Amino acid sequence: MPGTGETDLARLLAGLDPVPHDGEYVFVTLADRRTPAGADPVFAFDEDEGRTLVLPRAQAEESGLTGVFPSAWITLRIHSSLEAVGMLAAVTAALAEAGIACNAVSAFYHDHLFVPYDRARDALAVLRTLAG
């Protein structure tokens, strides 16, 4: 089984290693929970109201889906434990202080941030400063 990841907050912040992905991403919601053919979301989550997808803007448009929150996708490459305390709180607080909205998603190995597309460089600068 893979390691459980880092839990020490100081090491987590020092090792954030933020890496942006190419392209623009949007959030869409599907009340019928059916992901259209050809749509390959980077994130999907089912809520009572429907299925949320995050996918490249071009895929959303090609699928006839209306996307909101045009985003840059930034991966924090530190392998954070799912039981780590405080890392995302510190990250989102630093981004909030800079006036940058952030939607965070935690996966097994890494945390992923979706920030306004036009603020991606600002977000990266904040994250690199936070990492020291």
Protein backbone atom coordinates (compact mmCIF):
# COMPACT_ATOMS: atom_id res chain seq x y z
CA MET A 1 0.00 0.00 0.00
CA PRO A 2 1.32 3.48 -0.79
CA GLY A 3 2.50 5.67 2.06
CA THR A 4 -0.06 7.65 3.97
CA GLY A 5 1.46 11.05 3.20
CA GLU A 6 2.85 13.94 5.21
CA THR A 7 1.04 15.24 8.31
CA ASP A 8 3.52 17.79 9.71
CA LEU A 9 2.15 21.24 8.86
CA ALA A 10 5.54 22.94 8.57
CA ARG A 11 6.77 20.29 6.13
CA LEU A 12 3.51 20.38 4.22
CA LEU A 13 3.71 24.13 3.69
CA ALA A 14 7.42 24.07 2.85
CA GLY A 15 6.83 21.33 0.29
CA LEU A 16 3.68 22.63 -1.41
CA ASP A 17 5.39 22.66 -4.83
CA PRO A 18 2.41 24.20 -6.70
CA VAL A 19 2.22 23.23 -10.37
CA PRO A 20 -0.33 24.72 -12.78
CA HIS A 21 -2.03 22.61 -15.43
CA ASP A 22 -2.45 23.93 -18.94
CA GLY A 23 -5.83 25.23 -20.00
CA GLU A 24 -8.98 26.68 -18.56
CA TYR A 25 -11.43 24.60 -16.52
CA VAL A 26 -15.08 25.16 -15.63
CA PHE A 27 -17.59 23.72 -13.18
CA VAL A 28 -20.84 22.28 -14.54
CA THR A 29 -23.77 20.57 -12.88
CA LEU A 30 -25.95 17.81 -14.29
CA ALA A 31 -29.31 17.24 -12.61
CA ASP A 32 -29.71 13.90 -14.43
CA ARG A 33 -26.21 12.77 -13.32
CA ARG A 34 -25.32 11.64 -16.86
CA THR A 35 -21.87 12.61 -18.01
CA PRO A 36 -22.07 13.33 -21.76
CA ALA A 37 -20.08 11.19 -24.18
CA GLY A 38 -16.76 12.84 -24.92
CA ALA A 39 -16.63 14.67 -21.60
CA ASP A 40 -13.65 13.57 -19.53
CA PRO A 41 -13.86 15.45 -16.22
CA VAL A 42 -10.84 15.88 -13.98
CA PHE A 43 -13.24 15.83 -11.03
CA ALA A 44 -16.76 14.51 -10.51
CA PHE A 45 -18.87 14.52 -7.38
CA ASP A 46 -22.49 13.58 -6.79
CA GLU A 47 -24.60 15.78 -4.54
CA ASP A 48 -28.33 15.64 -3.80
CA GLU A 49 -28.92 18.32 -6.44
CA GLY A 50 -26.93 16.60 -9.20
CA ARG A 51 -23.47 15.67 -10.45
CA THR A 52 -20.76 18.32 -10.42
CA LEU A 53 -18.05 18.05 -13.04
CA VAL A 54 -14.88 20.05 -13.47
CA LEU A 55 -13.61 19.77 -17.01
CA PRO A 56 -11.72 21.72 -19.64
CA ARG A 57 -13.78 24.62 -20.93
CA ALA A 58 -13.51 23.37 -24.52
CA GLN A 59 -14.97 19.98 -23.54
CA ALA A 60 -17.86 21.65 -21.75
CA GLU A 61 -18.63 23.79 -24.78
CA GLU A 62 -18.34 20.83 -27.19
CA SER A 63 -20.75 18.89 -24.98
CA GLY A 64 -23.24 21.77 -24.89
CA LEU A 65 -22.70 22.28 -21.16
CA THR A 66 -22.78 25.68 -19.51
CA GLY A 67 -19.72 26.11 -17.33
CA VAL A 68 -19.19 28.55 -14.49
CA PHE A 69 -16.14 29.78 -12.57
CA PRO A 70 -13.49 29.79 -15.35
CA SER A 71 -10.54 28.36 -13.46
CA ALA A 72 -6.89 27.55 -13.49
CA TRP A 73 -6.09 24.16 -11.96
CA ILE A 74 -3.10 24.07 -9.61
CA THR A 75 -1.84 20.85 -8.06
CA LEU A 76 0.03 20.96 -4.75
CA ARG A 77 2.56 18.21 -5.34
CA ILE A 78 3.34 17.48 -1.68
CA HIS A 79 1.89 14.07 -0.82
CA SER A 80 -0.36 15.22 1.99
CA SER A 81 -2.07 12.77 4.29
CA LEU A 82 -5.83 12.74 4.16
CA GLU A 83 -5.57 13.16 7.95
CA ALA A 84 -3.31 16.24 7.79
CA VAL A 85 -4.57 19.18 9.83
CA GLY A 86 -4.27 22.80 8.78
CA MET A 87 -2.62 22.74 5.35
CA LEU A 88 -5.66 23.65 3.29
CA ALA A 89 -6.75 26.12 5.95
CA ALA A 90 -3.39 27.90 5.64
CA VAL A 91 -3.47 27.77 1.84
CA THR A 92 -7.02 29.05 1.49
CA ALA A 93 -6.47 31.74 4.15
CA ALA A 94 -3.41 33.04 2.29
CA LEU A 95 -5.34 33.09 -0.99
CA ALA A 96 -8.31 34.78 0.69
CA GLU A 97 -5.99 37.44 2.13
CA ALA A 98 -4.93 38.16 -1.48
CA GLY A 99 -8.58 38.29 -2.58
CA ILE A 100 -8.36 35.07 -4.60
CA ALA A 101 -11.29 32.66 -4.59
CA CYS A 102 -10.34 29.01 -4.29
CA ASN A 103 -12.17 25.73 -4.67
CA ALA A 104 -10.05 22.93 -3.21
CA VAL A 105 -10.32 19.22 -3.91
CA SER A 106 -8.37 16.60 -1.97
CA ALA A 107 -7.45 13.37 -3.67
CA PHE A 108 -5.42 10.44 -2.30
CA TYR A 109 -1.98 11.85 -3.06
CA HIS A 110 -2.41 15.57 -3.63
CA ASP A 111 -4.62 18.58 -3.11
CA HIS A 112 -5.88 20.46 -6.14
CA LEU A 113 -6.92 24.09 -6.28
CA PHE A 114 -9.22 25.75 -8.77
CA VAL A 115 -8.69 29.51 -8.76
CA PRO A 116 -10.02 32.22 -11.08
CA TYR A 117 -8.31 31.77 -14.44
CA ASP A 118 -7.20 35.39 -14.60
CA ARG A 119 -5.63 35.20 -11.12
CA ALA A 120 -3.54 32.04 -11.66
CA ARG A 121 -0.18 33.86 -11.59
CA ASP A 122 -1.18 35.74 -8.45
CA ALA A 123 -2.26 32.48 -6.79
CA LEU A 124 1.03 30.79 -7.68
CA ALA A 125 2.96 33.73 -6.22
CA VAL A 126 0.96 33.48 -2.97
CA LEU A 127 1.53 29.73 -2.76
CA ARG A 128 5.27 30.05 -3.40
CA THR A 129 5.53 32.75 -0.73
CA LEU A 130 3.61 30.55 1.71
CA ALA A 131 6.02 27.69 1.02
CA GLY A 132 8.90 30.00 1.84
